[in-house]
Amino acid sequence: QVQLVESGGDLVQPGGSLGLSCAASGSMFSFYVMAWYRQAPGNERELVAAISRDGRTNYSDSVKGRFTITRDNAKNTVYLQMNSPKPEDTAVYYCNAGSWYLYSTGPYWGQGTQVTVSS
């Protein structure tokens, strides 16, 4: 079993920056792919970025070049650095874990953290 707790969601201005963190419990953290998803009102949940245990990454085209996903296996934590956010990045951001594959979704979810991009 894995428990995920996100933090860092906030109101941020377009063109600013914001960092999200997801702390995971469970000894299997370092073996799983970790990912960030987001869901805006009226939309389906979508992948933002994923990172394998050895650092390979997969990004949504909409955030490529602006967002960076990293992980610290020693701290059981995954991060999402959001640079130059846009209003369309406004959503609840969810941490995801439990998949062994970079292009698959795991069974474990955090509770979500709200990111609002607005001036």
N, C-alpha and C. Protein backbone atom coordinates (compact mmCIF):
# COMPACT_ATOMS: atom_id res chain seq x y z
N GLN A 1 0.84 -1.19 0.00
CA GLN A 1 0.00 0.00 0.00
C GLN A 1 0.88 1.24 0.00
N VAL A 2 0.47 2.23 -0.76
CA VAL A 2 1.20 3.49 -0.86
C VAL A 2 0.25 4.63 -0.55
N GLN A 3 0.68 5.53 0.29
CA GLN A 3 -0.09 6.74 0.55
C GLN A 3 0.68 7.94 0.02
N LEU A 4 -0.05 8.85 -0.63
CA LEU A 4 0.55 10.00 -1.29
C LEU A 4 -0.07 11.28 -0.75
N VAL A 5 0.77 12.24 -0.42
CA VAL A 5 0.30 13.52 0.10
C VAL A 5 0.94 14.64 -0.70
N GLU A 6 0.11 15.37 -1.44
CA GLU A 6 0.59 16.50 -2.24
C GLU A 6 0.60 17.78 -1.42
N SER A 7 1.47 18.69 -1.82
CA SER A 7 1.51 20.02 -1.23
C SER A 7 2.07 21.00 -2.24
N GLY A 8 1.83 22.29 -1.97
CA GLY A 8 2.40 23.33 -2.81
C GLY A 8 1.42 24.04 -3.71
N GLY A 9 0.20 23.55 -3.83
CA GLY A 9 -0.77 24.22 -4.68
C GLY A 9 -1.07 25.62 -4.17
N ASP A 10 -1.29 26.54 -5.12
CA ASP A 10 -1.47 27.93 -4.73
C ASP A 10 -2.00 28.72 -5.91
N LEU A 11 -2.22 30.00 -5.68
CA LEU A 11 -2.53 30.95 -6.75
C LEU A 11 -1.22 31.50 -7.27
N VAL A 12 -1.03 31.46 -8.58
CA VAL A 12 0.21 31.93 -9.18
C VAL A 12 -0.15 32.76 -10.41
N GLN A 13 0.65 33.78 -10.66
CA GLN A 13 0.40 34.63 -11.81
C GLN A 13 0.93 33.99 -13.09
N PRO A 14 0.29 34.25 -14.20
CA PRO A 14 0.83 33.75 -15.48
C PRO A 14 2.26 34.21 -15.66
N GLY A 15 3.11 33.30 -16.10
CA GLY A 15 4.51 33.62 -16.28
C GLY A 15 5.35 33.49 -15.03
N GLY A 16 4.73 33.19 -13.91
CA GLY A 16 5.47 33.02 -12.67
C GLY A 16 6.04 31.62 -12.54
N SER A 17 6.14 31.13 -11.30
CA SER A 17 6.60 29.77 -11.08
C SER A 17 5.99 29.22 -9.81
N LEU A 18 5.87 27.91 -9.76
CA LEU A 18 5.29 27.24 -8.61
C LEU A 18 5.85 25.82 -8.54
N GLY A 19 6.12 25.36 -7.33
CA GLY A 19 6.60 24.01 -7.16
C GLY A 19 5.64 23.16 -6.34
N LEU A 20 5.37 21.96 -6.82
CA LEU A 20 4.53 21.01 -6.11
C LEU A 20 5.40 19.87 -5.58
N SER A 21 4.98 19.31 -4.45
CA SER A 21 5.67 18.15 -3.88
C SER A 21 4.66 17.06 -3.59
N CYS A 22 5.13 15.83 -3.65
CA CYS A 22 4.30 14.69 -3.29
C CYS A 22 5.15 13.74 -2.46
N ALA A 23 4.78 13.58 -1.20
CA ALA A 23 5.48 12.69 -0.30
C ALA A 23 4.77 11.35 -0.26
N ALA A 24 5.52 10.30 -0.44
CA ALA A 24 4.95 8.95 -0.48
C ALA A 24 5.40 8.13 0.71
N SER A 25 4.50 7.32 1.21
CA SER A 25 4.85 6.35 2.24
C SER A 25 4.88 4.97 1.60
N GLY A 26 5.66 4.07 2.16
CA GLY A 26 5.72 2.74 1.58
C GLY A 26 7.10 2.43 1.05
N SER A 27 7.57 1.25 1.27
CA SER A 27 8.94 0.89 0.93
C SER A 27 9.15 0.68 -0.56
N MET A 28 8.09 0.61 -1.35
CA MET A 28 8.22 0.33 -2.78
C MET A 28 8.36 1.60 -3.61
N PHE A 29 8.40 2.75 -2.97
CA PHE A 29 8.40 4.01 -3.72
C PHE A 29 9.47 4.04 -4.79
N SER A 30 10.68 3.64 -4.42
CA SER A 30 11.80 3.80 -5.34
C SER A 30 11.67 2.92 -6.58
N PHE A 31 10.77 1.95 -6.56
CA PHE A 31 10.63 1.05 -7.70
C PHE A 31 9.54 1.49 -8.67
N TYR A 32 8.66 2.37 -8.22
CA TYR A 32 7.52 2.73 -9.04
C TYR A 32 7.81 3.92 -9.95
N VAL A 33 7.09 3.97 -11.05
CA VAL A 33 6.97 5.22 -11.79
C VAL A 33 6.09 6.16 -10.96
N MET A 34 6.49 7.42 -10.89
CA MET A 34 5.70 8.44 -10.21
C MET A 34 5.21 9.43 -11.26
N ALA A 35 4.02 9.97 -11.05
CA ALA A 35 3.46 10.86 -12.06
C ALA A 35 2.60 11.93 -11.44
N TRP A 36 2.43 13.00 -12.18
CA TRP A 36 1.48 14.05 -11.86
C TRP A 36 0.39 14.06 -12.93
N TYR A 37 -0.85 14.10 -12.47
CA TYR A 37 -2.01 14.28 -13.33
C TYR A 37 -2.71 15.56 -12.91
N ARG A 38 -3.61 16.02 -13.75
CA ARG A 38 -4.42 17.18 -13.37
C ARG A 38 -5.82 17.03 -13.94
N GLN A 39 -6.74 17.72 -13.27
CA GLN A 39 -8.13 17.70 -13.71
C GLN A 39 -8.73 19.08 -13.50
N ALA A 40 -9.17 19.68 -14.60
CA ALA A 40 -9.86 20.95 -14.55
C ALA A 40 -11.36 20.70 -14.56
N PRO A 41 -12.14 21.63 -14.05
CA PRO A 41 -13.60 21.44 -14.02
C PRO A 41 -14.16 21.13 -15.40
N GLY A 42 -14.95 20.07 -15.48
CA GLY A 42 -15.56 19.69 -16.74
C GLY A 42 -14.68 18.88 -17.65
N ASN A 43 -13.43 18.67 -17.24
CA ASN A 43 -12.48 17.92 -18.07
C ASN A 43 -12.13 16.58 -17.42
N GLU A 44 -11.62 15.68 -18.25
CA GLU A 44 -11.12 14.42 -17.72
C GLU A 44 -9.74 14.63 -17.09
N ARG A 45 -9.38 13.72 -16.20
CA ARG A 45 -8.05 13.78 -15.61
C ARG A 45 -7.03 13.41 -16.70
N GLU A 46 -5.96 14.18 -16.76
CA GLU A 46 -4.95 13.97 -17.79
C GLU A 46 -3.54 13.93 -17.21
N LEU A 47 -2.69 13.20 -17.90
CA LEU A 47 -1.29 13.12 -17.49
C LEU A 47 -0.60 14.45 -17.73
N VAL A 48 0.18 14.87 -16.73
CA VAL A 48 1.04 16.04 -16.88
C VAL A 48 2.48 15.59 -17.15
N ALA A 49 2.99 14.74 -16.26
CA ALA A 49 4.37 14.27 -16.40
C ALA A 49 4.55 13.02 -15.56
N ALA A 50 5.48 12.17 -15.99
CA ALA A 50 5.80 10.94 -15.27
C ALA A 50 7.30 10.76 -15.26
N ILE A 51 7.80 10.05 -14.23
CA ILE A 51 9.23 9.81 -14.11
C ILE A 51 9.46 8.41 -13.58
N SER A 52 10.37 7.69 -14.23
CA SER A 52 10.70 6.34 -13.80
C SER A 52 11.69 6.39 -12.65
N ARG A 53 11.94 5.24 -12.08
CA ARG A 53 12.85 5.22 -10.92
C ARG A 53 14.28 5.59 -11.31
N ASP A 54 14.63 5.42 -12.59
CA ASP A 54 15.97 5.78 -13.03
C ASP A 54 16.00 7.13 -13.75
N GLY A 55 14.91 7.90 -13.64
CA GLY A 55 14.92 9.27 -14.12
C GLY A 55 14.43 9.52 -15.53
N ARG A 56 13.98 8.49 -16.22
CA ARG A 56 13.39 8.74 -17.54
C ARG A 56 12.05 9.43 -17.35
N THR A 57 11.73 10.34 -18.28
CA THR A 57 10.53 11.16 -18.12
C THR A 57 9.62 11.11 -19.33
N ASN A 58 8.37 11.44 -19.08
CA ASN A 58 7.35 11.52 -20.12
C ASN A 58 6.50 12.74 -19.79
N TYR A 59 6.38 13.67 -20.73
CA TYR A 59 5.64 14.90 -20.51
C TYR A 59 4.48 15.04 -21.49
N SER A 60 3.41 15.64 -21.01
CA SER A 60 2.35 16.05 -21.91
C SER A 60 2.88 17.14 -22.83
N ASP A 61 2.45 17.15 -24.07
CA ASP A 61 2.90 18.18 -25.01
C ASP A 61 2.56 19.57 -24.51
N SER A 62 1.48 19.71 -23.75
CA SER A 62 1.04 21.03 -23.31
C SER A 62 1.95 21.64 -22.26
N VAL A 63 2.78 20.85 -21.60
CA VAL A 63 3.65 21.38 -20.55
C VAL A 63 5.13 21.21 -20.88
N LYS A 64 5.43 20.52 -21.96
CA LYS A 64 6.81 20.25 -22.31
C LYS A 64 7.58 21.56 -22.48
N GLY A 65 8.73 21.63 -21.84
CA GLY A 65 9.54 22.84 -21.92
C GLY A 65 9.22 23.86 -20.84
N ARG A 66 8.12 23.68 -20.11
CA ARG A 66 7.74 24.62 -19.05
C ARG A 66 7.76 23.95 -17.67
N PHE A 67 7.36 22.69 -17.61
CA PHE A 67 7.29 21.97 -16.34
C PHE A 67 8.41 20.94 -16.29
N THR A 68 8.88 20.67 -15.07
CA THR A 68 9.93 19.68 -14.86
C THR A 68 9.55 18.77 -13.71
N ILE A 69 9.59 17.47 -13.96
CA ILE A 69 9.34 16.49 -12.90
C ILE A 69 10.66 15.90 -12.45
N THR A 70 10.82 15.79 -11.15
CA THR A 70 12.01 15.17 -10.57
C THR A 70 11.58 14.32 -9.39
N ARG A 71 12.50 13.49 -8.92
CA ARG A 71 12.20 12.67 -7.76
C ARG A 71 13.43 12.49 -6.90
N ASP A 72 13.19 12.28 -5.63
CA ASP A 72 14.26 12.00 -4.67
C ASP A 72 13.89 10.69 -3.99
N ASN A 73 14.50 9.62 -4.42
CA ASN A 73 14.13 8.31 -3.89
C ASN A 73 14.48 8.17 -2.41
N ALA A 74 15.51 8.86 -1.98
CA ALA A 74 15.90 8.79 -0.56
C ALA A 74 14.85 9.44 0.32
N LYS A 75 14.15 10.44 -0.21
CA LYS A 75 13.13 11.14 0.55
C LYS A 75 11.72 10.68 0.20
N ASN A 76 11.61 9.70 -0.69
CA ASN A 76 10.28 9.22 -1.12
C ASN A 76 9.40 10.37 -1.59
N THR A 77 9.96 11.25 -2.38
CA THR A 77 9.25 12.46 -2.79
C THR A 77 9.43 12.69 -4.29
N VAL A 78 8.35 13.13 -4.92
CA VAL A 78 8.40 13.54 -6.31
C VAL A 78 7.97 15.01 -6.39
N TYR A 79 8.56 15.74 -7.31
CA TYR A 79 8.34 17.17 -7.43
C TYR A 79 7.86 17.52 -8.83
N LEU A 80 7.14 18.63 -8.91
CA LEU A 80 6.78 19.20 -10.20
C LEU A 80 7.06 20.69 -10.15
N GLN A 81 8.04 21.13 -10.91
CA GLN A 81 8.36 22.54 -11.02
C GLN A 81 7.62 23.10 -12.21
N MET A 82 6.77 24.09 -11.93
CA MET A 82 5.94 24.69 -12.97
C MET A 82 6.48 26.08 -13.26
N ASN A 83 7.08 26.25 -14.42
CA ASN A 83 7.58 27.56 -14.86
C ASN A 83 6.69 28.09 -15.98
N SER A 84 6.56 29.39 -16.01
CA SER A 84 5.71 30.05 -17.01
C SER A 84 4.34 29.43 -17.12
N PRO A 85 3.65 29.26 -16.00
CA PRO A 85 2.31 28.67 -16.08
C PRO A 85 1.35 29.58 -16.84
N LYS A 86 0.33 28.97 -17.40
CA LYS A 86 -0.69 29.67 -18.16
C LYS A 86 -2.05 29.47 -17.48
N PRO A 87 -2.99 30.32 -17.74
CA PRO A 87 -4.33 30.13 -17.13
C PRO A 87 -4.91 28.75 -17.41
N GLU A 88 -4.60 28.18 -18.56
CA GLU A 88 -5.13 26.84 -18.88
C GLU A 88 -4.48 25.73 -18.08
N ASP A 89 -3.45 26.05 -17.29
CA ASP A 89 -2.86 25.08 -16.38
C ASP A 89 -3.63 24.99 -15.06
N THR A 90 -4.62 25.84 -14.89
CA THR A 90 -5.43 25.82 -13.68
C THR A 90 -6.17 24.49 -13.56
N ALA A 91 -5.98 23.81 -12.43
CA ALA A 91 -6.57 22.49 -12.23
C ALA A 91 -6.24 22.00 -10.84
N VAL A 92 -6.86 20.89 -10.46
CA VAL A 92 -6.41 20.15 -9.29
C VAL A 92 -5.34 19.17 -9.77
N TYR A 93 -4.19 19.21 -9.13
CA TYR A 93 -3.06 18.36 -9.52
C TYR A 93 -2.98 17.18 -8.55
N TYR A 94 -2.89 15.99 -9.13
CA TYR A 94 -2.87 14.75 -8.36
C TYR A 94 -1.55 14.01 -8.57
N CYS A 95 -1.04 13.47 -7.50
CA CYS A 95 0.13 12.60 -7.56
C CYS A 95 -0.36 11.17 -7.78
N ASN A 96 0.40 10.42 -8.56
CA ASN A 96 0.02 9.04 -8.89
C ASN A 96 1.22 8.13 -8.75
N ALA A 97 0.97 6.90 -8.27
CA ALA A 97 2.07 5.94 -8.10
C ALA A 97 1.56 4.52 -8.28
N GLY A 98 2.49 3.62 -8.45
CA GLY A 98 2.16 2.20 -8.47
C GLY A 98 2.35 1.52 -9.80
N SER A 99 2.59 2.32 -10.86
CA SER A 99 2.83 1.69 -12.15
C SER A 99 4.30 1.34 -12.28
N TRP A 100 4.57 0.28 -13.01
CA TRP A 100 5.94 -0.09 -13.32
C TRP A 100 6.39 0.48 -14.67
N TYR A 101 5.44 1.06 -15.39
CA TYR A 101 5.72 1.50 -16.75
C TYR A 101 5.49 3.00 -16.89
N LEU A 102 6.33 3.64 -17.69
CA LEU A 102 6.32 5.09 -17.82
C LEU A 102 5.05 5.61 -18.48
N TYR A 103 4.36 4.79 -19.26
CA TYR A 103 3.18 5.24 -20.01
C TYR A 103 1.90 4.61 -19.49
N SER A 104 1.92 4.13 -18.25
CA SER A 104 0.73 3.54 -17.64
C SER A 104 0.41 4.24 -16.33
N THR A 105 -0.82 4.18 -15.93
CA THR A 105 -1.28 4.82 -14.69
C THR A 105 -1.28 3.82 -13.55
N GLY A 106 -0.75 4.25 -12.40
CA GLY A 106 -0.74 3.40 -11.23
C GLY A 106 -2.05 3.45 -10.46
N PRO A 107 -2.24 2.58 -9.50
CA PRO A 107 -3.50 2.49 -8.76
C PRO A 107 -3.60 3.44 -7.57
N TYR A 108 -2.52 4.11 -7.22
CA TYR A 108 -2.51 4.94 -6.01
C TYR A 108 -2.58 6.42 -6.37
N TRP A 109 -3.46 7.14 -5.64
CA TRP A 109 -3.66 8.57 -5.88
C TRP A 109 -3.56 9.35 -4.58
N GLY A 110 -3.07 10.57 -4.70
CA GLY A 110 -3.15 11.51 -3.60
C GLY A 110 -4.49 12.21 -3.61
N GLN A 111 -4.67 13.12 -2.65
CA GLN A 111 -5.95 13.80 -2.50
C GLN A 111 -6.07 15.00 -3.42
N GLY A 112 -4.97 15.44 -3.99
CA GLY A 112 -4.99 16.55 -4.93
C GLY A 112 -4.65 17.88 -4.27
N THR A 113 -4.08 18.77 -5.07
CA THR A 113 -3.77 20.12 -4.61
C THR A 113 -4.15 21.10 -5.71
N GLN A 114 -4.81 22.19 -5.33
CA GLN A 114 -5.36 23.14 -6.30
C GLN A 114 -4.28 24.11 -6.77
N VAL A 115 -4.17 24.23 -8.08
CA VAL A 115 -3.30 25.24 -8.70
C VAL A 115 -4.19 26.16 -9.52
N THR A 116 -4.09 27.45 -9.23
CA THR A 116 -4.86 28.44 -9.97
C THR A 116 -3.89 29.44 -10.58
N VAL A 117 -3.95 29.59 -11.89
CA VAL A 117 -3.09 30.52 -12.60
C VAL A 117 -3.94 31.70 -13.05
N SER A 118 -3.70 32.83 -12.44
CA SER A 118 -4.52 34.00 -12.72
C SER A 118 -3.80 35.25 -12.27
N SER A 119 -4.06 36.34 -12.98
CA SER A 119 -3.49 37.62 -12.59
C SER A 119 -4.47 38.38 -11.71
